[in-house]
């Protein structure tokens, strides 16, 4: 669908935690969120953070 230029009303960001890092660095993660918010039109009341595996 993306290849067909379909637009979606949401943004998904999937950062990867390097295998050498035991835990997420909160400041780096929030800097990523701030960067996305500054680049795109984002409803700041609808930001959700979730994770899988070590990101959970």
PDB file of N, CA and C in Angstrom:
ATOM      1  N   UNK A   1       0.815  -1.194   0.000  1.00  0.00           N
ATOM      2  CA  UNK A   1       0.000   0.000   0.000  1.00  0.00           C
ATOM      3  C   UNK A   1       0.860   1.261   0.000  1.00  0.00           C
ATOM      4  N   UNK A   2       1.952   1.214   0.728  1.00  0.00           N
ATOM      5  CA  UNK A   2       2.835   2.382   0.754  1.00  0.00           C
ATOM      6  C   UNK A   2       3.410   2.642  -0.630  1.00  0.00           C
ATOM      7  N   UNK A   3       3.785   1.561  -1.338  1.00  0.00           N
ATOM      8  CA  UNK A   3       4.309   1.707  -2.701  1.00  0.00           C
ATOM      9  C   UNK A   3       3.286   2.338  -3.638  1.00  0.00           C
ATOM     10  N   UNK A   4       2.009   2.180  -3.330  1.00  0.00           N
ATOM     11  CA  UNK A   4       0.939   2.752  -4.146  1.00  0.00           C
ATOM     12  C   UNK A   4       0.562   4.156  -3.682  1.00  0.00           C
ATOM     13  N   UNK A   5       1.390   4.756  -2.838  1.00  0.00           N
ATOM     14  CA  UNK A   5       1.210   6.120  -2.323  1.00  0.00           C
ATOM     15  C   UNK A   5      -0.015   6.278  -1.433  1.00  0.00           C
ATOM     16  N   UNK A   6      -0.462   5.197  -0.814  1.00  0.00           N
ATOM     17  CA  UNK A   6      -1.558   5.316   0.145  1.00  0.00           C
ATOM     18  C   UNK A   6      -1.032   6.031   1.381  1.00  0.00           C
ATOM     19  N   UNK A   7      -1.806   7.006   1.857  1.00  0.00           N
ATOM     20  CA  UNK A   7      -1.415   7.751   3.046  1.00  0.00           C
ATOM     21  C   UNK A   7      -2.113   7.161   4.268  1.00  0.00           C
ATOM     22  N   UNK A   8      -1.422   7.180   5.385  1.00  0.00           N
ATOM     23  CA  UNK A   8      -1.947   6.654   6.624  1.00  0.00           C
ATOM     24  C   UNK A   8      -2.003   7.772   7.666  1.00  0.00           C
ATOM     25  N   UNK A   9      -3.000   7.759   8.555  1.00  0.00           N
ATOM     26  CA  UNK A   9      -3.146   8.834   9.542  1.00  0.00           C
ATOM     27  C   UNK A   9      -2.332   8.598  10.813  1.00  0.00           C
ATOM     28  N   UNK A  10      -1.174   7.983  10.672  1.00  0.00           N
ATOM     29  CA  UNK A  10      -0.354   7.724  11.849  1.00  0.00           C
ATOM     30  C   UNK A  10       1.110   7.624  11.439  1.00  0.00           C
ATOM     31  N   UNK A  11       1.974   7.686  12.436  1.00  0.00           N
ATOM     32  CA  UNK A  11       3.420   7.547  12.249  1.00  0.00           C
ATOM     33  C   UNK A  11       3.872   6.390  13.129  1.00  0.00           C
ATOM     34  N   UNK A  12       4.691   5.518  12.579  1.00  0.00           N
ATOM     35  CA  UNK A  12       5.268   4.424  13.362  1.00  0.00           C
ATOM     36  C   UNK A  12       6.780   4.575  13.309  1.00  0.00           C
ATOM     37  N   UNK A  13       7.407   4.592  14.463  1.00  0.00           N
ATOM     38  CA  UNK A  13       8.862   4.667  14.561  1.00  0.00           C
ATOM     39  C   UNK A  13       9.311   3.429  15.318  1.00  0.00           C
ATOM     40  N   UNK A  14      10.255   2.695  14.759  1.00  0.00           N
ATOM     41  CA  UNK A  14      10.700   1.438  15.375  1.00  0.00           C
ATOM     42  C   UNK A  14      12.207   1.441  15.592  1.00  0.00           C
ATOM     43  N   UNK A  15      12.669   2.161  16.610  1.00  0.00           N
ATOM     44  CA  UNK A  15      14.108   2.172  16.863  1.00  0.00           C
ATOM     45  C   UNK A  15      14.578   0.816  17.383  1.00  0.00           C
ATOM     46  N   UNK A  16      15.796   0.503  17.107  1.00  0.00           N
ATOM     47  CA  UNK A  16      16.378  -0.761  17.550  1.00  0.00           C
ATOM     48  C   UNK A  16      17.388  -0.501  18.656  1.00  0.00           C
ATOM     49  N   UNK A  17      17.323  -1.284  19.711  1.00  0.00           N
ATOM     50  CA  UNK A  17      18.276  -1.173  20.806  1.00  0.00           C
ATOM     51  C   UNK A  17      19.506  -2.009  20.436  1.00  0.00           C
ATOM     52  N   UNK A  18      20.682  -1.390  20.348  1.00  0.00           N
ATOM     53  CA  UNK A  18      21.881  -2.160  20.000  1.00  0.00           C
ATOM     54  C   UNK A  18      22.099  -3.304  20.994  1.00  0.00           C
ATOM     55  N   UNK A  19      22.534  -4.426  20.494  1.00  0.00           N
ATOM     56  CA  UNK A  19      22.703  -5.603  21.362  1.00  0.00           C
ATOM     57  C   UNK A  19      23.745  -5.388  22.459  1.00  0.00           C
ATOM     58  N   UNK A  20      24.623  -4.389  22.286  1.00  0.00           N
ATOM     59  CA  UNK A  20      25.627  -4.133  23.316  1.00  0.00           C
ATOM     60  C   UNK A  20      25.070  -3.312  24.474  1.00  0.00           C
ATOM     61  N   UNK A  21      23.905  -2.684  24.248  1.00  0.00           N
ATOM     62  CA  UNK A  21      23.309  -1.849  25.297  1.00  0.00           C
ATOM     63  C   UNK A  21      22.320  -2.681  26.110  1.00  0.00           C
ATOM     64  N   UNK A  22      22.494  -2.758  27.422  1.00  0.00           N
ATOM     65  CA  UNK A  22      21.588  -3.580  28.229  1.00  0.00           C
ATOM     66  C   UNK A  22      20.196  -2.980  28.367  1.00  0.00           C
ATOM     67  N   UNK A  23      20.086  -1.674  28.398  1.00  0.00           N
ATOM     68  CA  UNK A  23      18.809  -0.999  28.585  1.00  0.00           C
ATOM     69  C   UNK A  23      18.722   0.217  27.664  1.00  0.00           C
ATOM     70  N   UNK A  24      17.510   0.689  27.474  1.00  0.00           N
ATOM     71  CA  UNK A  24      17.333   1.912  26.698  1.00  0.00           C
ATOM     72  C   UNK A  24      17.858   3.102  27.490  1.00  0.00           C
ATOM     73  N   UNK A  25      18.433   4.024  26.783  1.00  0.00           N
ATOM     74  CA  UNK A  25      18.846   5.301  27.355  1.00  0.00           C
ATOM     75  C   UNK A  25      17.638   6.232  27.213  1.00  0.00           C
ATOM     76  N   UNK A  26      16.998   6.583  28.327  1.00  0.00           N
ATOM     77  CA  UNK A  26      15.769   7.382  28.299  1.00  0.00           C
ATOM     78  C   UNK A  26      15.957   8.710  27.578  1.00  0.00           C
ATOM     79  N   UNK A  27      17.092   9.355  27.797  1.00  0.00           N
ATOM     80  CA  UNK A  27      17.328  10.656  27.168  1.00  0.00           C
ATOM     81  C   UNK A  27      17.425  10.526  25.649  1.00  0.00           C
ATOM     82  N   UNK A  28      18.061   9.486  25.174  1.00  0.00           N
ATOM     83  CA  UNK A  28      18.171   9.270  23.730  1.00  0.00           C
ATOM     84  C   UNK A  28      16.808   8.968  23.128  1.00  0.00           C
ATOM     85  N   UNK A  29      16.024   8.153  23.805  1.00  0.00           N
ATOM     86  CA  UNK A  29      14.689   7.819  23.315  1.00  0.00           C
ATOM     87  C   UNK A  29      13.806   9.063  23.253  1.00  0.00           C
ATOM     88  N   UNK A  30      13.832   9.880  24.288  1.00  0.00           N
ATOM     89  CA  UNK A  30      13.017  11.096  24.285  1.00  0.00           C
ATOM     90  C   UNK A  30      13.511  12.094  23.246  1.00  0.00           C
ATOM     91  N   UNK A  31      14.813  12.125  22.982  1.00  0.00           N
ATOM     92  CA  UNK A  31      15.348  12.994  21.922  1.00  0.00           C
ATOM     93  C   UNK A  31      14.803  12.547  20.566  1.00  0.00           C
ATOM     94  N   UNK A  32      14.671  11.238  20.370  1.00  0.00           N
ATOM     95  CA  UNK A  32      14.081  10.718  19.132  1.00  0.00           C
ATOM     96  C   UNK A  32      12.625  11.156  19.014  1.00  0.00           C
ATOM     97  N   UNK A  33      11.856  11.014  20.085  1.00  0.00           N
ATOM     98  CA  UNK A  33      10.453  11.434  20.072  1.00  0.00           C
ATOM     99  C   UNK A  33      10.365  12.927  19.769  1.00  0.00           C
ATOM    100  N   UNK A  34      11.178  13.736  20.418  1.00  0.00           N
ATOM    101  CA  UNK A  34      11.177  15.184  20.186  1.00  0.00           C
ATOM    102  C   UNK A  34      11.512  15.507  18.732  1.00  0.00           C
ATOM    103  N   UNK A  35      12.451  14.779  18.149  1.00  0.00           N
ATOM    104  CA  UNK A  35      12.832  15.005  16.762  1.00  0.00           C
ATOM    105  C   UNK A  35      11.674  14.683  15.816  1.00  0.00           C
ATOM    106  N   UNK A  36      11.000  13.570  16.051  1.00  0.00           N
ATOM    107  CA  UNK A  36       9.856  13.201  15.207  1.00  0.00           C
ATOM    108  C   UNK A  36       8.761  14.262  15.319  1.00  0.00           C
ATOM    109  N   UNK A  37       8.478  14.709  16.540  1.00  0.00           N
ATOM    110  CA  UNK A  37       7.446  15.730  16.752  1.00  0.00           C
ATOM    111  C   UNK A  37       7.811  17.036  16.040  1.00  0.00           C
ATOM    112  N   UNK A  38       9.096  17.367  16.010  1.00  0.00           N
ATOM    113  CA  UNK A  38       9.508  18.619  15.361  1.00  0.00           C
ATOM    114  C   UNK A  38       9.470  18.530  13.839  1.00  0.00           C
ATOM    115  N   UNK A  39       9.573  17.332  13.281  1.00  0.00           N
ATOM    116  CA  UNK A  39       9.611  17.157  11.819  1.00  0.00           C
ATOM    117  C   UNK A  39       8.245  16.917  11.188  1.00  0.00           C
ATOM    118  N   UNK A  40       7.311  16.380  11.954  1.00  0.00           N
ATOM    119  CA  UNK A  40       6.015  15.983  11.412  1.00  0.00           C
ATOM    120  C   UNK A  40       4.890  16.603  12.223  1.00  0.00           C
ATOM    121  N   UNK A  41       3.701  16.622  11.646  1.00  0.00           N
ATOM    122  CA  UNK A  41       2.524  17.098  12.373  1.00  0.00           C
ATOM    123  C   UNK A  41       2.088  15.970  13.298  1.00  0.00           C
ATOM    124  N   UNK A  42       2.256  16.183  14.592  1.00  0.00           N
ATOM    125  CA  UNK A  42       1.981  15.150  15.586  1.00  0.00           C
ATOM    126  C   UNK A  42       1.040  15.704  16.645  1.00  0.00           C
ATOM    127  N   UNK A  43       0.010  14.955  16.955  1.00  0.00           N
ATOM    128  CA  UNK A  43      -0.873  15.296  18.069  1.00  0.00           C
ATOM    129  C   UNK A  43      -0.183  14.780  19.335  1.00  0.00           C
ATOM    130  N   UNK A  44       0.385  15.679  20.099  1.00  0.00           N
ATOM    131  CA  UNK A  44       1.193  15.272  21.254  1.00  0.00           C
ATOM    132  C   UNK A  44       0.370  14.591  22.346  1.00  0.00           C
ATOM    133  N   UNK A  45      -0.953  14.668  22.273  1.00  0.00           N
ATOM    134  CA  UNK A  45      -1.791  13.969  23.251  1.00  0.00           C
ATOM    135  C   UNK A  45      -2.041  12.518  22.841  1.00  0.00           C
ATOM    136  N   UNK A  46      -1.495  12.128  21.675  1.00  0.00           N
ATOM    137  CA  UNK A  46      -1.736  10.771  21.183  1.00  0.00           C
ATOM    138  C   UNK A  46      -0.432  10.050  20.847  1.00  0.00           C
ATOM    139  N   UNK A  47       0.587  10.283  21.628  1.00  0.00           N
ATOM    140  CA  UNK A  47       1.864   9.591  21.450  1.00  0.00           C
ATOM    141  C   UNK A  47       1.866   8.382  22.384  1.00  0.00           C
ATOM    142  N   UNK A  48       2.146   7.215  21.824  1.00  0.00           N
ATOM    143  CA  UNK A  48       2.167   5.978  22.602  1.00  0.00           C
ATOM    144  C   UNK A  48       3.524   5.322  22.434  1.00  0.00           C
ATOM    145  N   UNK A  49       4.131   4.904  23.520  1.00  0.00           N
ATOM    146  CA  UNK A  49       5.391   4.174  23.477  1.00  0.00           C
ATOM    147  C   UNK A  49       5.146   2.759  23.960  1.00  0.00           C
ATOM    148  N   UNK A  50       5.629   1.806  23.221  1.00  0.00           N
ATOM    149  CA  UNK A  50       5.503   0.413  23.603  1.00  0.00           C
ATOM    150  C   UNK A  50       6.744  -0.309  23.100  1.00  0.00           C
ATOM    151  N   UNK A  51       6.938  -1.514  23.519  1.00  0.00           N
ATOM    152  CA  UNK A  51       8.116  -2.221  23.067  1.00  0.00           C
ATOM    153  C   UNK A  51       7.889  -3.719  23.019  1.00  0.00           C
ATOM    154  N   UNK A  52       8.819  -4.381  22.381  1.00  0.00           N
ATOM    155  CA  UNK A  52       8.794  -5.838  22.293  1.00  0.00           C
ATOM    156  C   UNK A  52      10.147  -6.357  22.765  1.00  0.00           C
ATOM    157  N   UNK A  53      10.177  -7.539  23.246  1.00  0.00           N
ATOM    158  CA  UNK A  53      11.407  -8.184  23.664  1.00  0.00           C
ATOM    159  C   UNK A  53      12.101  -7.323  24.719  1.00  0.00           C
ATOM    160  N   UNK A  54      13.351  -6.926  24.492  1.00  0.00           N
ATOM    161  CA  UNK A  54      14.057  -6.088  25.459  1.00  0.00           C
ATOM    162  C   UNK A  54      13.492  -4.672  25.492  1.00  0.00           C
ATOM    163  N   UNK A  55      12.720  -4.302  24.485  1.00  0.00           N
ATOM    164  CA  UNK A  55      12.105  -2.976  24.468  1.00  0.00           C
ATOM    165  C   UNK A  55      10.842  -2.882  25.291  1.00  0.00           C
ATOM    166  N   UNK A  56      10.344  -4.038  25.781  1.00  0.00           N
ATOM    167  CA  UNK A  56       9.082  -4.052  26.526  1.00  0.00           C
ATOM    168  C   UNK A  56       9.231  -3.502  27.900  1.00  0.00           C
TER     169      UNK A  56
END
